[in-house]
């Protein structure tokens, strides 16, 4: 129960910070790095002593305001799934959260872990967590990709600089 309350508290704080960023940058793209840093840090705090968190968040990762919340939720969901599926439950989980611009000027957000990866057919399945990440990526104007190996899972979301019309409606 304490973990659930801590996670809810972290989400409320992330929302408050998002509102602050929106007030500071009206009508402008929002710097994503600070928001993702807070979201990832808060998610790691829900399992004290179990998460080795590595963050590489480039300063040029700014997105339209409508994309910030879904991208933060993707990071939170991917980290929660990594902790949930770690074996054994007491195992130290290494999670890397990255944000950068690629050669096509897309914002890329990645969450990678050292867990067991997905079951062979899971990436194409309709599991709730994967479905949620796919929907959130579409809401942000991008797409989610899942790369699973025996050394972990990598969730990668790419957001075009100016997503297609109607992506945020």
Protein backbone atom coordinates (compact mmCIF):
# COMPACT_ATOMS: atom_id res chain seq x y z
CA UNK A 1 0.00 0.00 0.00
CA UNK A 2 2.85 2.39 0.83
CA UNK A 3 4.34 1.83 -2.64
CA UNK A 4 1.02 2.65 -4.30
CA UNK A 5 0.68 5.86 -2.28
CA UNK A 6 4.27 6.83 -3.06
CA UNK A 7 3.68 6.25 -6.77
CA UNK A 8 0.52 8.35 -6.70
CA UNK A 9 2.38 11.09 -4.85
CA UNK A 10 5.12 10.98 -7.48
CA UNK A 11 2.57 11.30 -10.28
CA UNK A 12 0.89 14.27 -8.59
CA UNK A 13 4.27 15.98 -8.17
CA UNK A 14 5.12 15.30 -11.84
CA UNK A 15 1.80 16.83 -12.88
CA UNK A 16 2.47 19.90 -10.70
CA UNK A 17 5.88 20.31 -12.32
CA UNK A 18 4.32 19.95 -15.76
CA UNK A 19 1.82 22.70 -14.95
CA UNK A 20 4.71 24.88 -13.79
CA UNK A 21 6.57 24.24 -17.05
CA UNK A 22 3.47 25.06 -19.07
CA UNK A 23 3.08 28.36 -17.18
CA UNK A 24 6.74 29.23 -17.76
CA UNK A 25 6.63 28.38 -21.49
CA UNK A 26 3.13 29.29 -22.77
CA UNK A 27 2.64 28.25 -26.38
CA UNK A 28 6.19 26.90 -26.63
CA UNK A 29 7.76 23.48 -26.73
CA UNK A 30 8.44 22.15 -23.22
CA UNK A 31 11.89 20.93 -22.12
CA UNK A 32 11.38 17.22 -21.52
CA UNK A 33 14.59 16.34 -19.69
CA UNK A 34 13.68 17.87 -16.32
CA UNK A 35 10.24 16.28 -16.37
CA UNK A 36 11.61 12.82 -17.23
CA UNK A 37 14.32 13.18 -14.56
CA UNK A 38 11.64 13.80 -11.91
CA UNK A 39 9.36 11.03 -13.16
CA UNK A 40 12.18 8.45 -13.29
CA UNK A 41 13.54 9.50 -9.91
CA UNK A 42 10.11 9.25 -8.32
CA UNK A 43 9.46 5.85 -9.92
CA UNK A 44 12.81 4.58 -8.59
CA UNK A 45 11.87 5.72 -5.08
CA UNK A 46 8.90 3.35 -5.05
CA UNK A 47 11.35 0.44 -4.65
CA UNK A 48 14.11 1.76 -2.37
CA UNK A 49 17.39 -0.11 -2.69
CA UNK A 50 16.25 -2.09 -5.75
CA UNK A 51 16.87 0.35 -8.59
CA UNK A 52 20.15 1.37 -10.09
CA UNK A 53 18.98 4.29 -12.24
CA UNK A 54 21.07 5.74 -15.04
CA UNK A 55 19.80 8.83 -16.86
CA UNK A 56 21.07 10.41 -20.07
CA UNK A 57 18.71 13.26 -20.84
CA UNK A 58 19.82 15.72 -23.50
CA UNK A 59 18.92 19.35 -23.05
CA UNK A 60 17.55 19.66 -26.59
CA UNK A 61 14.65 17.28 -25.94
CA UNK A 62 11.77 19.73 -26.10
CA UNK A 63 8.33 18.63 -27.27
CA UNK A 64 4.91 20.17 -27.72
CA UNK A 65 3.05 20.55 -24.43
CA UNK A 66 0.57 17.80 -25.31
CA UNK A 67 3.37 15.21 -25.54
CA UNK A 68 5.00 15.79 -22.16
CA UNK A 69 2.49 13.96 -19.98
CA UNK A 70 2.18 10.83 -22.18
CA UNK A 71 5.98 10.54 -22.42
CA UNK A 72 6.33 10.81 -18.65
CA UNK A 73 3.64 8.15 -18.24
CA UNK A 74 5.52 5.87 -20.64
CA UNK A 75 8.70 6.20 -18.56
CA UNK A 76 6.76 5.49 -15.37
CA UNK A 77 4.96 2.48 -16.87
CA UNK A 78 8.12 0.96 -18.35
CA UNK A 79 9.97 1.35 -15.03
CA UNK A 80 7.05 -0.13 -13.10
CA UNK A 81 6.96 -3.11 -15.47
CA UNK A 82 10.72 -3.63 -15.11
CA UNK A 83 10.38 -3.77 -11.33
CA UNK A 84 7.26 -5.93 -11.46
CA UNK A 85 8.80 -8.57 -13.70
CA UNK A 86 12.30 -8.70 -12.17
CA UNK A 87 13.25 -12.16 -10.91
CA UNK A 88 13.75 -12.67 -8.07
CA UNK A 89 11.58 -9.91 -6.63
CA UNK A 90 14.46 -8.78 -4.42
CA UNK A 91 16.87 -8.45 -7.36
CA UNK A 92 18.62 -5.17 -8.12
CA UNK A 93 17.13 -3.76 -11.31
CA UNK A 94 19.23 -1.61 -13.61
CA UNK A 95 17.17 0.91 -15.52
CA UNK A 96 18.44 3.44 -18.04
CA UNK A 97 16.28 6.37 -19.09
CA UNK A 98 17.49 8.30 -22.11
CA UNK A 99 16.24 11.20 -24.20
CA UNK A 100 17.95 12.57 -27.32
CA UNK A 101 17.33 13.88 -30.82
CA UNK A 102 18.13 11.54 -33.66
CA UNK A 103 19.43 12.36 -37.16
CA UNK A 104 15.87 13.07 -38.35
CA UNK A 105 15.38 15.58 -35.49
CA UNK A 106 12.91 13.28 -33.74
CA UNK A 107 12.82 13.24 -29.95
CA UNK A 108 13.66 9.73 -28.80
CA UNK A 109 12.77 8.49 -25.32
CA UNK A 110 14.13 5.13 -24.23
CA UNK A 111 13.73 3.04 -21.10
CA UNK A 112 15.98 -0.03 -20.95
CA UNK A 113 16.29 -2.59 -18.17
CA UNK A 114 18.33 -5.68 -17.33
CA UNK A 115 15.32 -7.91 -16.70
CA UNK A 116 14.27 -11.13 -18.38
CA UNK A 117 12.88 -9.40 -21.46
CA UNK A 118 9.52 -10.25 -22.97
CA UNK A 119 8.14 -13.68 -23.63
CA UNK A 120 8.65 -14.56 -27.34
CA UNK A 121 5.13 -13.52 -28.38
CA UNK A 122 4.65 -10.70 -25.86
CA UNK A 123 5.80 -7.77 -28.05
CA UNK A 124 2.91 -8.42 -30.42
CA UNK A 125 0.45 -9.26 -27.65
CA UNK A 126 -2.30 -7.09 -26.23
CA UNK A 127 -1.02 -7.09 -22.65
CA UNK A 128 -2.28 -4.10 -20.71
CA UNK A 129 1.15 -2.53 -20.11
CA UNK A 130 2.31 -2.78 -23.73
CA UNK A 131 -1.04 -1.61 -25.03
CA UNK A 132 -0.92 1.38 -22.68
CA UNK A 133 2.59 2.32 -23.83
CA UNK A 134 1.54 2.06 -27.49
CA UNK A 135 -1.52 4.24 -26.90
CA UNK A 136 0.47 6.84 -24.96
CA UNK A 137 3.09 6.96 -27.74
CA UNK A 138 0.34 7.58 -30.32
CA UNK A 139 -1.15 10.27 -28.08
CA UNK A 140 2.26 11.97 -28.01
CA UNK A 141 2.34 11.84 -31.82
CA UNK A 142 4.84 9.00 -32.16
CA UNK A 143 5.21 5.25 -32.03
CA UNK A 144 6.58 2.74 -29.53
CA UNK A 145 9.04 -0.02 -30.32
CA UNK A 146 9.91 -2.93 -28.01
CA UNK A 147 13.27 -4.66 -28.32
CA UNK A 148 13.59 -7.70 -26.11
CA UNK A 149 16.69 -9.80 -25.50
CA UNK A 150 17.69 -12.23 -22.81
CA UNK A 151 19.56 -9.36 -21.16
CA UNK A 152 16.56 -7.04 -20.89
CA UNK A 153 13.87 -4.99 -22.54
CA UNK A 154 14.24 -1.69 -24.36
CA UNK A 155 11.20 0.52 -24.89
CA UNK A 156 11.84 3.21 -27.49
CA UNK A 157 9.45 5.99 -28.46
CA UNK A 158 10.18 8.37 -31.32
CA UNK A 159 8.29 11.65 -31.65
CA UNK A 160 8.57 13.64 -34.91
CA UNK A 161 9.53 17.28 -34.46
CA UNK A 162 6.09 18.32 -35.68
CA UNK A 163 3.76 15.33 -35.41
CA UNK A 164 0.97 14.71 -37.91
CA UNK A 165 -2.09 16.90 -37.64
CA UNK A 166 -4.62 15.55 -35.14
CA UNK A 167 -2.10 13.42 -33.21
CA UNK A 168 -2.91 15.28 -30.00
CA UNK A 169 -6.65 15.37 -30.28
